Amino acid sequence: MTPDVTAFFDKATNTISFVVKDPEGASCAIIDSVLDFDYSSGRTDTKSADEIIAHVMANKLKVEWILESHVHADHLSAAPYLQEKIGGKIGIGKNITIVQDTFGKVFNEGTEFQRDGSQFDKLFEEGDSFMIGQLRGDVLHTPGHTPACMTYVIGNSAFVGDTLFMPDFGTARCDFPGGSSETLYQSIQKILALPNETRIFVGHDYKAPGREEYAWETTVGEQKANNVHVGDGADKDSFVQMRDSRDASLAMPKLIIPSLQVNMRAGQMPEPDEDGDVFLKVPVNKL
């Protein structure tokens, strides 16, 4: 089946969120939503999420799932806000527990922060499947960028999160705690083993030099032939050398500190203090 896919591009973080609809009904899933956050003021806003809600309401859709491809380091998730407004179960990969343990230590979280993934409604494993109405989704575990990265293969379309970008931009960084360029290469081969005509939807686009428009849809065949990092049969050793060298030159994403603290909690803020105020921590020399 070919799902109906509607994309929402957030220019502030170069993130693409997707509403994926059963073509024969009203059921849908939302993938990688964005909660707007102004770091300088510490203020959140729901403009991006409200655009998705408006689309769902206008088309009388039924939200079955709110899916996260991984714990994002460059934007905050709007999953709990969307769930409150329009329903759906929040899902992520089972290895979220590894991410929670890793960053629970980085942010010096106390014992009240659960590291068992219980903040999410569903923890997916390799080989799991789920339904969006009559539309079937299958789950691939595709770590490397983070330990919990998942690719959701829904009908004839694969939603790869940050694992792959558009062919002219390449692949995801692997230098966050728990990342691995060798593991990413193996995960990408798993995606490239899908049929050539499989549509690929990427989670970010940074408009590679020479390209005038943002883009987020490609195919397995196009990635195999043209991806600047892994296309044309690039071998693992060359990829690892390139990826590790490139990652060493990259700055941390500007929203990594708030994003990780919120997203490892399924989009929830840390518990408020006795006055009802919420605070985020800034670890020094930890990232």
C-alpha atoms as a PDB file:
ATOM      1  CA  MET A   1       0.000   0.000   0.000  1.00  0.00           C
ATOM      2  CA  THR A   2       1.060   3.550  -0.662  1.00  0.00           C
ATOM      3  CA  PRO A   3       0.391   5.731   2.397  1.00  0.00           C
ATOM      4  CA  ASP A   4      -0.770   9.309   2.036  1.00  0.00           C
ATOM      5  CA  VAL A   5       2.089  11.405   3.448  1.00  0.00           C
ATOM      6  CA  THR A   6       1.835  15.056   4.456  1.00  0.00           C
ATOM      7  CA  ALA A   7       5.067  16.796   5.485  1.00  0.00           C
ATOM      8  CA  PHE A   8       5.518  19.724   7.867  1.00  0.00           C
ATOM      9  CA  PHE A   9       8.877  21.504   7.621  1.00  0.00           C
ATOM     10  CA  ASP A  10      10.193  23.371  10.669  1.00  0.00           C
ATOM     11  CA  LYS A  11      12.733  25.881   9.357  1.00  0.00           C
ATOM     12  CA  ALA A  12      14.103  26.722  12.818  1.00  0.00           C
ATOM     13  CA  THR A  13      15.440  23.177  13.279  1.00  0.00           C
ATOM     14  CA  ASN A  14      15.345  21.859   9.682  1.00  0.00           C
ATOM     15  CA  THR A  15      13.080  19.083  10.920  1.00  0.00           C
ATOM     16  CA  ILE A  16      10.395  17.405   8.862  1.00  0.00           C
ATOM     17  CA  SER A  17       7.413  15.955  10.712  1.00  0.00           C
ATOM     18  CA  PHE A  18       5.074  13.602   8.874  1.00  0.00           C
ATOM     19  CA  VAL A  19       1.417  12.684   9.046  1.00  0.00           C
ATOM     20  CA  VAL A  20       1.109   9.219   7.505  1.00  0.00           C
ATOM     21  CA  LYS A  21      -2.437   8.211   6.577  1.00  0.00           C
ATOM     22  CA  ASP A  22      -4.088   4.939   5.620  1.00  0.00           C
ATOM     23  CA  PRO A  23      -5.136   5.597   1.996  1.00  0.00           C
ATOM     24  CA  GLU A  24      -8.326   3.594   2.507  1.00  0.00           C
ATOM     25  CA  GLY A  25      -9.474   5.221   5.739  1.00  0.00           C
ATOM     26  CA  ALA A  26      -9.033   8.032   8.249  1.00  0.00           C
ATOM     27  CA  SER A  27      -6.393   6.485  10.529  1.00  0.00           C
ATOM     28  CA  CYS A  28      -2.978   8.119  10.670  1.00  0.00           C
ATOM     29  CA  ALA A  29       0.341   8.282  12.508  1.00  0.00           C
ATOM     30  CA  ILE A  30       2.440  11.341  13.315  1.00  0.00           C
ATOM     31  CA  ILE A  31       6.204  10.939  13.071  1.00  0.00           C
ATOM     32  CA  ASP A  32       8.826  13.194  14.727  1.00  0.00           C
ATOM     33  CA  SER A  33       6.766  16.158  15.886  1.00  0.00           C
ATOM     34  CA  VAL A  34       8.292  19.476  17.003  1.00  0.00           C
ATOM     35  CA  LEU A  35       7.668  21.598  20.089  1.00  0.00           C
ATOM     36  CA  ASP A  36       8.979  25.086  19.368  1.00  0.00           C
ATOM     37  CA  PHE A  37      11.552  26.298  21.901  1.00  0.00           C
ATOM     38  CA  ASP A  38      13.335  29.623  22.196  1.00  0.00           C
ATOM     39  CA  TYR A  39      16.531  28.836  24.089  1.00  0.00           C
ATOM     40  CA  SER A  40      17.403  32.445  24.872  1.00  0.00           C
ATOM     41  CA  SER A  41      14.137  33.018  26.744  1.00  0.00           C
ATOM     42  CA  GLY A  42      13.403  29.461  27.834  1.00  0.00           C
ATOM     43  CA  ARG A  43       9.928  29.682  26.308  1.00  0.00           C
ATOM     44  CA  THR A  44       8.041  26.964  24.490  1.00  0.00           C
ATOM     45  CA  ASP A  45       5.445  27.440  21.772  1.00  0.00           C
ATOM     46  CA  THR A  46       3.072  25.033  20.044  1.00  0.00           C
ATOM     47  CA  LYS A  47       2.801  26.683  16.638  1.00  0.00           C
ATOM     48  CA  SER A  48       4.384  23.772  14.759  1.00  0.00           C
ATOM     49  CA  ALA A  49       2.321  21.172  16.595  1.00  0.00           C
ATOM     50  CA  ASP A  50      -0.843  23.210  16.117  1.00  0.00           C
ATOM     51  CA  GLU A  51      -0.341  23.081  12.337  1.00  0.00           C
ATOM     52  CA  ILE A  52      -0.415  19.286  12.563  1.00  0.00           C
ATOM     53  CA  ILE A  53      -3.483  19.374  14.804  1.00  0.00           C
ATOM     54  CA  ALA A  54      -5.251  21.670  12.347  1.00  0.00           C
ATOM     55  CA  HIS A  55      -4.479  19.248   9.502  1.00  0.00           C
ATOM     56  CA  VAL A  56      -5.766  16.281  11.507  1.00  0.00           C
ATOM     57  CA  MET A  57      -8.959  18.087  12.494  1.00  0.00           C
ATOM     58  CA  ALA A  58      -9.648  19.519   9.026  1.00  0.00           C
ATOM     59  CA  ASN A  59      -9.371  16.072   7.448  1.00  0.00           C
ATOM     60  CA  LYS A  60     -11.209  14.279  10.271  1.00  0.00           C
ATOM     61  CA  LEU A  61      -8.287  11.932  10.879  1.00  0.00           C
ATOM     62  CA  LYS A  62      -7.949   9.445  13.704  1.00  0.00           C
ATOM     63  CA  VAL A  63      -4.466   9.457  15.250  1.00  0.00           C
ATOM     64  CA  GLU A  64      -3.374   5.916  16.074  1.00  0.00           C
ATOM     65  CA  TRP A  65       0.315   6.533  16.747  1.00  0.00           C
ATOM     66  CA  ILE A  66       2.708   9.344  17.634  1.00  0.00           C
ATOM     67  CA  LEU A  67       6.077   7.872  16.669  1.00  0.00           C
ATOM     68  CA  GLU A  68       9.612   8.977  17.484  1.00  0.00           C
ATOM     69  CA  SER A  69      12.437   7.756  15.250  1.00  0.00           C
ATOM     70  CA  HIS A  70      14.860   8.370  18.140  1.00  0.00           C
ATOM     71  CA  VAL A  71      15.660  10.746  20.998  1.00  0.00           C
ATOM     72  CA  HIS A  72      16.268  13.909  19.012  1.00  0.00           C
ATOM     73  CA  ALA A  73      19.165  16.197  19.927  1.00  0.00           C
ATOM     74  CA  ASP A  74      18.129  19.157  17.792  1.00  0.00           C
ATOM     75  CA  HIS A  75      14.489  19.754  18.649  1.00  0.00           C
ATOM     76  CA  LEU A  76      11.982  19.077  21.399  1.00  0.00           C
ATOM     77  CA  SER A  77       9.174  16.598  20.806  1.00  0.00           C
ATOM     78  CA  ALA A  78       5.542  17.732  20.959  1.00  0.00           C
ATOM     79  CA  ALA A  79       4.299  14.161  21.508  1.00  0.00           C
ATOM     80  CA  PRO A  80       2.515  14.662  24.857  1.00  0.00           C
ATOM     81  CA  TYR A  81       0.862  17.874  23.667  1.00  0.00           C
ATOM     82  CA  LEU A  82      -0.396  16.139  20.522  1.00  0.00           C
ATOM     83  CA  GLN A  83      -1.569  13.144  22.520  1.00  0.00           C
ATOM     84  CA  GLU A  84      -3.549  15.363  24.861  1.00  0.00           C
ATOM     85  CA  LYS A  85      -5.215  17.201  21.971  1.00  0.00           C
ATOM     86  CA  ILE A  86      -5.819  14.473  19.377  1.00  0.00           C
ATOM     87  CA  GLY A  87      -4.905  11.106  20.943  1.00  0.00           C
ATOM     88  CA  GLY A  88      -2.587   8.350  19.796  1.00  0.00           C
ATOM     89  CA  LYS A  89      -0.024   6.089  21.465  1.00  0.00           C
ATOM     90  CA  ILE A  90       3.554   7.339  21.781  1.00  0.00           C
ATOM     91  CA  GLY A  91       6.129   4.861  20.494  1.00  0.00           C
ATOM     92  CA  ILE A  92       9.929   4.672  20.275  1.00  0.00           C
ATOM     93  CA  GLY A  93      12.641   2.014  20.073  1.00  0.00           C
ATOM     94  CA  LYS A  94      13.274  -0.311  23.016  1.00  0.00           C
ATOM     95  CA  ASN A  95      16.847   0.933  23.364  1.00  0.00           C
ATOM     96  CA  ILE A  96      15.496   4.191  24.741  1.00  0.00           C
ATOM     97  CA  THR A  97      16.486   2.614  28.056  1.00  0.00           C
ATOM     98  CA  ILE A  98      20.163   2.825  27.031  1.00  0.00           C
ATOM     99  CA  VAL A  99      19.723   6.480  26.094  1.00  0.00           C
ATOM    100  CA  GLN A 100      17.923   7.203  29.366  1.00  0.00           C
ATOM    101  CA  ASP A 101      20.684   5.559  31.364  1.00  0.00           C
ATOM    102  CA  THR A 102      23.421   7.403  29.471  1.00  0.00           C
ATOM    103  CA  PHE A 103      21.886  10.857  29.696  1.00  0.00           C
ATOM    104  CA  GLY A 104      20.405  10.284  33.105  1.00  0.00           C
ATOM    105  CA  LYS A 105      24.033  10.287  34.246  1.00  0.00           C
ATOM    106  CA  VAL A 106      25.031  13.235  32.055  1.00  0.00           C
ATOM    107  CA  PHE A 107      22.247  15.377  33.544  1.00  0.00           C
ATOM    108  CA  ASN A 108      22.667  13.981  37.059  1.00  0.00           C
ATOM    109  CA  GLU A 109      19.044  12.870  37.253  1.00  0.00           C
ATOM    110  CA  GLY A 110      17.940  11.430  40.570  1.00  0.00           C
ATOM    111  CA  THR A 111      16.354   8.080  41.218  1.00  0.00           C
ATOM    112  CA  GLU A 112      12.919   9.546  40.508  1.00  0.00           C
ATOM    113  CA  PHE A 113      13.788   9.581  36.792  1.00  0.00           C
ATOM    114  CA  GLN A 114      12.737   6.180  35.485  1.00  0.00           C
ATOM    115  CA  ARG A 115      15.165   4.587  33.038  1.00  0.00           C
ATOM    116  CA  ASP A 116      12.873   1.786  31.873  1.00  0.00           C
ATOM    117  CA  GLY A 117      11.118   3.546  28.993  1.00  0.00           C
ATOM    118  CA  SER A 118       7.864   3.662  30.949  1.00  0.00           C
ATOM    119  CA  GLN A 119       7.250   7.267  29.839  1.00  0.00           C
ATOM    120  CA  PHE A 120       6.327   5.853  26.411  1.00  0.00           C
ATOM    121  CA  ASP A 121       3.254   3.808  25.519  1.00  0.00           C
ATOM    122  CA  LYS A 122       5.096   1.364  23.267  1.00  0.00           C
ATOM    123  CA  LEU A 123       8.732   0.275  22.973  1.00  0.00           C
ATOM    124  CA  PHE A 124       9.402  -1.244  19.562  1.00  0.00           C
ATOM    125  CA  GLU A 125      11.890  -3.980  18.722  1.00  0.00           C
ATOM    126  CA  GLU A 126      13.318  -5.192  15.424  1.00  0.00           C
ATOM    127  CA  GLY A 127      10.638  -7.144  13.581  1.00  0.00           C
ATOM    128  CA  ASP A 128       7.653  -5.628  15.392  1.00  0.00           C
ATOM    129  CA  SER A 129       4.687  -4.520  13.342  1.00  0.00           C
ATOM    130  CA  PHE A 130       1.797  -2.154  13.971  1.00  0.00           C
ATOM    131  CA  MET A 131      -1.319  -1.033  12.167  1.00  0.00           C
ATOM    132  CA  ILE A 132      -2.558   2.375  11.021  1.00  0.00           C
ATOM    133  CA  GLY A 133      -6.089   1.394  10.102  1.00  0.00           C
ATOM    134  CA  GLN A 134      -5.577  -1.162   7.307  1.00  0.00           C
ATOM    135  CA  LEU A 135      -2.025   0.077   6.671  1.00  0.00           C
ATOM    136  CA  ARG A 136       0.767  -2.062   8.113  1.00  0.00           C
ATOM    137  CA  GLY A 137       3.973  -0.685   9.562  1.00  0.00           C
ATOM    138  CA  ASP A 138       7.112  -2.740  10.193  1.00  0.00           C
ATOM    139  CA  VAL A 139       9.977  -1.786  12.457  1.00  0.00           C
ATOM    140  CA  LEU A 140      13.692  -1.857  11.677  1.00  0.00           C
ATOM    141  CA  HIS A 141      16.238  -1.153  14.404  1.00  0.00           C
ATOM    142  CA  THR A 142      18.760   1.163  12.720  1.00  0.00           C
ATOM    143  CA  PRO A 143      21.196   2.405  15.397  1.00  0.00           C
ATOM    144  CA  GLY A 144      24.437   4.300  14.878  1.00  0.00           C
ATOM    145  CA  HIS A 145      23.294   7.905  15.183  1.00  0.00           C
ATOM    146  CA  THR A 146      21.894   6.862  18.575  1.00  0.00           C
ATOM    147  CA  PRO A 147      21.344   3.396  20.101  1.00  0.00           C
ATOM    148  CA  ALA A 148      17.555   3.716  19.868  1.00  0.00           C
ATOM    149  CA  CYS A 149      17.130   4.824  16.243  1.00  0.00           C
ATOM    150  CA  MET A 150      14.270   3.137  14.405  1.00  0.00           C
ATOM    151  CA  THR A 151      13.129   3.093  10.797  1.00  0.00           C
ATOM    152  CA  TYR A 152       9.390   2.716  10.311  1.00  0.00           C
ATOM    153  CA  VAL A 153       8.548   0.943   7.048  1.00  0.00           C
ATOM    154  CA  ILE A 154       4.903   1.805   6.444  1.00  0.00           C
ATOM    155  CA  GLY A 155       3.460   0.307   3.306  1.00  0.00           C
ATOM    156  CA  ASN A 156       5.936   1.077   0.526  1.00  0.00           C
ATOM    157  CA  SER A 157       7.549   3.960   2.423  1.00  0.00           C
ATOM    158  CA  ALA A 158      10.390   4.097   4.970  1.00  0.00           C
ATOM    159  CA  PHE A 159      10.694   6.864   7.552  1.00  0.00           C
ATOM    160  CA  VAL A 160      14.382   6.843   8.476  1.00  0.00           C
ATOM    161  CA  GLY A 161      14.698   9.702  10.977  1.00  0.00           C
ATOM    162  CA  ASP A 162      18.289  10.953  11.046  1.00  0.00           C
ATOM    163  CA  THR A 163      19.925   7.772   9.721  1.00  0.00           C
ATOM    164  CA  LEU A 164      20.000   8.949   6.110  1.00  0.00           C
ATOM    165  CA  PHE A 165      19.585  12.402   4.617  1.00  0.00           C
ATOM    166  CA  MET A 166      18.874  13.324   1.011  1.00  0.00           C
ATOM    167  CA  PRO A 167      21.408  11.718  -1.356  1.00  0.00           C
ATOM    168  CA  ASP A 168      23.270  15.010  -1.922  1.00  0.00           C
ATOM    169  CA  PHE A 169      23.747  15.531   1.829  1.00  0.00           C
ATOM    170  CA  GLY A 170      24.652  12.050   3.039  1.00  0.00           C
ATOM    171  CA  THR A 171      24.240  10.525   6.474  1.00  0.00           C
ATOM    172  CA  ALA A 172      23.828  11.274  10.159  1.00  0.00           C
ATOM    173  CA  ARG A 173      26.564  12.150  12.626  1.00  0.00           C
ATOM    174  CA  CYS A 174      27.640   9.419  15.041  1.00  0.00           C
ATOM    175  CA  ASP A 175      29.558  11.283  17.750  1.00  0.00           C
ATOM    176  CA  PHE A 176      26.848  11.527  20.411  1.00  0.00           C
ATOM    177  CA  PRO A 177      27.243   9.182  23.417  1.00  0.00           C
ATOM    178  CA  GLY A 178      26.264   5.699  22.258  1.00  0.00           C
ATOM    179  CA  GLY A 179      26.765   6.529  18.576  1.00  0.00           C
ATOM    180  CA  SER A 180      28.936   4.479  16.224  1.00  0.00           C
ATOM    181  CA  SER A 181      29.878   5.014  12.586  1.00  0.00           C
ATOM    182  CA  GLU A 182      30.424   1.277  12.076  1.00  0.00           C
ATOM    183  CA  THR A 183      26.979   0.546  13.443  1.00  0.00           C
ATOM    184  CA  LEU A 184      25.444   3.294  11.301  1.00  0.00           C
ATOM    185  CA  TYR A 185      26.982   1.803   8.160  1.00  0.00           C
ATOM    186  CA  GLN A 186      25.435  -1.578   8.991  1.00  0.00           C
ATOM    187  CA  SER A 187      22.053   0.020   9.690  1.00  0.00           C
ATOM    188  CA  ILE A 188      22.129   1.880   6.382  1.00  0.00           C
ATOM    189  CA  GLN A 189      22.794  -1.385   4.538  1.00  0.00           C
ATOM    190  CA  LYS A 190      19.635  -2.748   6.141  1.00  0.00           C
ATOM    191  CA  ILE A 191      17.647   0.178   4.744  1.00  0.00           C
ATOM    192  CA  LEU A 192      19.297  -0.105   1.327  1.00  0.00           C
ATOM    193  CA  ALA A 193      18.282  -3.776   1.210  1.00  0.00           C
ATOM    194  CA  LEU A 194      14.648  -2.704   0.857  1.00  0.00           C
ATOM    195  CA  PRO A 195      13.221  -2.722  -2.701  1.00  0.00           C
ATOM    196  CA  ASN A 196      14.673   0.019  -4.895  1.00  0.00           C
ATOM    197  CA  GLU A 197      11.267   1.634  -5.388  1.00  0.00           C
ATOM    198  CA  THR A 198      10.703   2.041  -1.628  1.00  0.00           C
ATOM    199  CA  ARG A 199      10.074   5.693  -0.862  1.00  0.00           C
ATOM    200  CA  ILE A 200      12.402   7.141   1.785  1.00  0.00           C
ATOM    201  CA  PHE A 201      11.344  10.083   3.922  1.00  0.00           C
ATOM    202  CA  VAL A 202      14.170  11.787   5.834  1.00  0.00           C
ATOM    203  CA  GLY A 203      13.821  13.567   9.171  1.00  0.00           C
ATOM    204  CA  HIS A 204      15.961  16.616   8.345  1.00  0.00           C
ATOM    205  CA  ASP A 205      17.115  18.555   5.339  1.00  0.00           C
ATOM    206  CA  TYR A 206      19.833  21.213   5.283  1.00  0.00           C
ATOM    207  CA  LYS A 207      19.682  21.993   1.547  1.00  0.00           C
ATOM    208  CA  ALA A 208      23.016  20.788   0.201  1.00  0.00           C
ATOM    209  CA  PRO A 209      25.178  23.342  -1.651  1.00  0.00           C
ATOM    210  CA  GLY A 210      23.798  23.996  -5.104  1.00  0.00           C
ATOM    211  CA  ARG A 211      20.245  22.920  -4.286  1.00  0.00           C
ATOM    212  CA  GLU A 212      17.677  25.707  -4.108  1.00  0.00           C
ATOM    213  CA  GLU A 213      14.751  23.928  -2.426  1.00  0.00           C
ATOM    214  CA  TYR A 214      14.360  21.867   0.726  1.00  0.00           C
ATOM    215  CA  ALA A 215      13.537  18.217   0.082  1.00  0.00           C
ATOM    216  CA  TRP A 216      12.680  15.139   2.128  1.00  0.00           C
ATOM    217  CA  GLU A 217      11.538  12.367  -0.214  1.00  0.00           C
ATOM    218  CA  THR A 218      13.800  10.053  -2.188  1.00  0.00           C
ATOM    219  CA  THR A 219      13.982   6.301  -2.877  1.00  0.00           C
ATOM    220  CA  VAL A 220      16.169   3.381  -1.916  1.00  0.00           C
ATOM    221  CA  GLY A 221      17.391   3.198  -5.512  1.00  0.00           C
ATOM    222  CA  GLU A 222      18.396   6.859  -5.531  1.00  0.00           C
ATOM    223  CA  GLN A 223      20.212   6.478  -2.227  1.00  0.00           C
ATOM    224  CA  LYS A 224      22.117   3.420  -3.442  1.00  0.00           C
ATOM    225  CA  ALA A 225      23.187   5.175  -6.611  1.00  0.00           C
ATOM    226  CA  ASN A 226      23.807   8.732  -5.457  1.00  0.00           C
ATOM    227  CA  ASN A 227      24.211   9.141  -1.694  1.00  0.00           C
ATOM    228  CA  VAL A 228      27.452  11.094  -1.295  1.00  0.00           C
ATOM    229  CA  HIS A 229      28.498   9.031   1.754  1.00  0.00           C
ATOM    230  CA  VAL A 230      27.250   5.500   1.098  1.00  0.00           C
ATOM    231  CA  GLY A 231      26.175   5.417  -2.547  1.00  0.00           C
ATOM    232  CA  ASP A 232      27.791   3.532  -5.408  1.00  0.00           C
ATOM    233  CA  GLY A 233      28.875   0.680  -3.135  1.00  0.00           C
ATOM    234  CA  ALA A 234      30.980   2.691  -0.672  1.00  0.00           C
ATOM    235  CA  ASP A 235      32.816   0.286   1.636  1.00  0.00           C
ATOM    236  CA  LYS A 236      32.568   0.313   5.429  1.00  0.00           C
ATOM    237  CA  ASP A 237      36.185   1.310   6.175  1.00  0.00           C
ATOM    238  CA  SER A 238      36.029   4.345   3.913  1.00  0.00           C
ATOM    239  CA  PHE A 239      32.689   5.376   5.374  1.00  0.00           C
ATOM    240  CA  VAL A 240      33.906   5.046   8.965  1.00  0.00           C
ATOM    241  CA  GLN A 241      37.028   7.096   8.243  1.00  0.00           C
ATOM    242  CA  MET A 242      35.002   9.803   6.503  1.00  0.00           C
ATOM    243  CA  ARG A 243      32.237   9.884   9.126  1.00  0.00           C
ATOM    244  CA  ASP A 244      34.561   9.999  12.137  1.00  0.00           C
ATOM    245  CA  SER A 245      36.695  12.728  10.585  1.00  0.00           C
ATOM    246  CA  ARG A 246      33.648  14.789   9.648  1.00  0.00           C
ATOM    247  CA  ASP A 247      32.036  14.384  13.071  1.00  0.00           C
ATOM    248  CA  ALA A 248      35.172  15.634  14.805  1.00  0.00           C
ATOM    249  CA  SER A 249      34.659  19.004  13.102  1.00  0.00           C
ATOM    250  CA  LEU A 250      30.989  19.455  13.999  1.00  0.00           C
ATOM    251  CA  ALA A 251      29.643  21.644  16.793  1.00  0.00           C
ATOM    252  CA  MET A 252      26.945  20.357  19.114  1.00  0.00           C
ATOM    253  CA  PRO A 253      23.359  21.141  18.011  1.00  0.00           C
ATOM    254  CA  LYS A 254      22.227  24.376  19.648  1.00  0.00           C
ATOM    255  CA  LEU A 255      19.219  22.725  21.294  1.00  0.00           C
ATOM    256  CA  ILE A 256      20.914  19.505  22.405  1.00  0.00           C
ATOM    257  CA  ILE A 257      20.770  20.308  26.139  1.00  0.00           C
ATOM    258  CA  PRO A 258      17.027  20.996  26.399  1.00  0.00           C
ATOM    259  CA  SER A 259      16.150  18.450  23.711  1.00  0.00           C
ATOM    260  CA  LEU A 260      17.759  15.470  25.392  1.00  0.00           C
ATOM    261  CA  GLN A 261      16.298  16.220  28.809  1.00  0.00           C
ATOM    262  CA  VAL A 262      12.792  16.533  27.385  1.00  0.00           C
ATOM    263  CA  ASN A 263      12.857  13.859  24.696  1.00  0.00           C
ATOM    264  CA  MET A 264      14.193  11.096  26.934  1.00  0.00           C
ATOM    265  CA  ARG A 265      11.019  11.749  28.959  1.00  0.00           C
ATOM    266  CA  ALA A 266       8.782  11.214  25.907  1.00  0.00           C
ATOM    267  CA  GLY A 267       8.447  14.962  25.420  1.00  0.00           C
ATOM    268  CA  GLN A 268       7.589  15.751  29.029  1.00  0.00           C
ATOM    269  CA  MET A 269       9.411  18.474  30.939  1.00  0.00           C
ATOM    270  CA  PRO A 270      11.303  17.561  34.134  1.00  0.00           C
ATOM    271  CA  GLU A 271       9.190  17.499  37.278  1.00  0.00           C
ATOM    272  CA  PRO A 272       8.392  21.003  38.570  1.00  0.00           C
ATOM    273  CA  ASP A 273       9.637  22.211  41.933  1.00  0.00           C
ATOM    274  CA  GLU A 274       7.397  22.909  44.913  1.00  0.00           C
ATOM    275  CA  ASP A 275       6.376  26.231  43.364  1.00  0.00           C
ATOM    276  CA  GLY A 276       5.401  24.612  40.070  1.00  0.00           C
ATOM    277  CA  ASP A 277       8.403  25.963  38.183  1.00  0.00           C
ATOM    278  CA  VAL A 278      10.271  23.815  35.658  1.00  0.00           C
ATOM    279  CA  PHE A 279      14.050  23.939  35.226  1.00  0.00           C
ATOM    280  CA  LEU A 280      16.470  22.421  32.749  1.00  0.00           C
ATOM    281  CA  LYS A 281      20.070  21.614  33.657  1.00  0.00           C
ATOM    282  CA  VAL A 282      23.208  22.656  31.803  1.00  0.00           C
ATOM    283  CA  PRO A 283      25.987  20.088  32.339  1.00  0.00           C
ATOM    284  CA  VAL A 284      29.462  21.627  32.113  1.00  0.00           C
ATOM    285  CA  ASN A 285      32.120  19.834  30.036  1.00  0.00           C
ATOM    286  CA  LYS A 286      29.942  16.739  29.630  1.00  0.00           C
ATOM    287  CA  LEU A 287      29.049  16.872  25.924  1.00  0.00           C
END
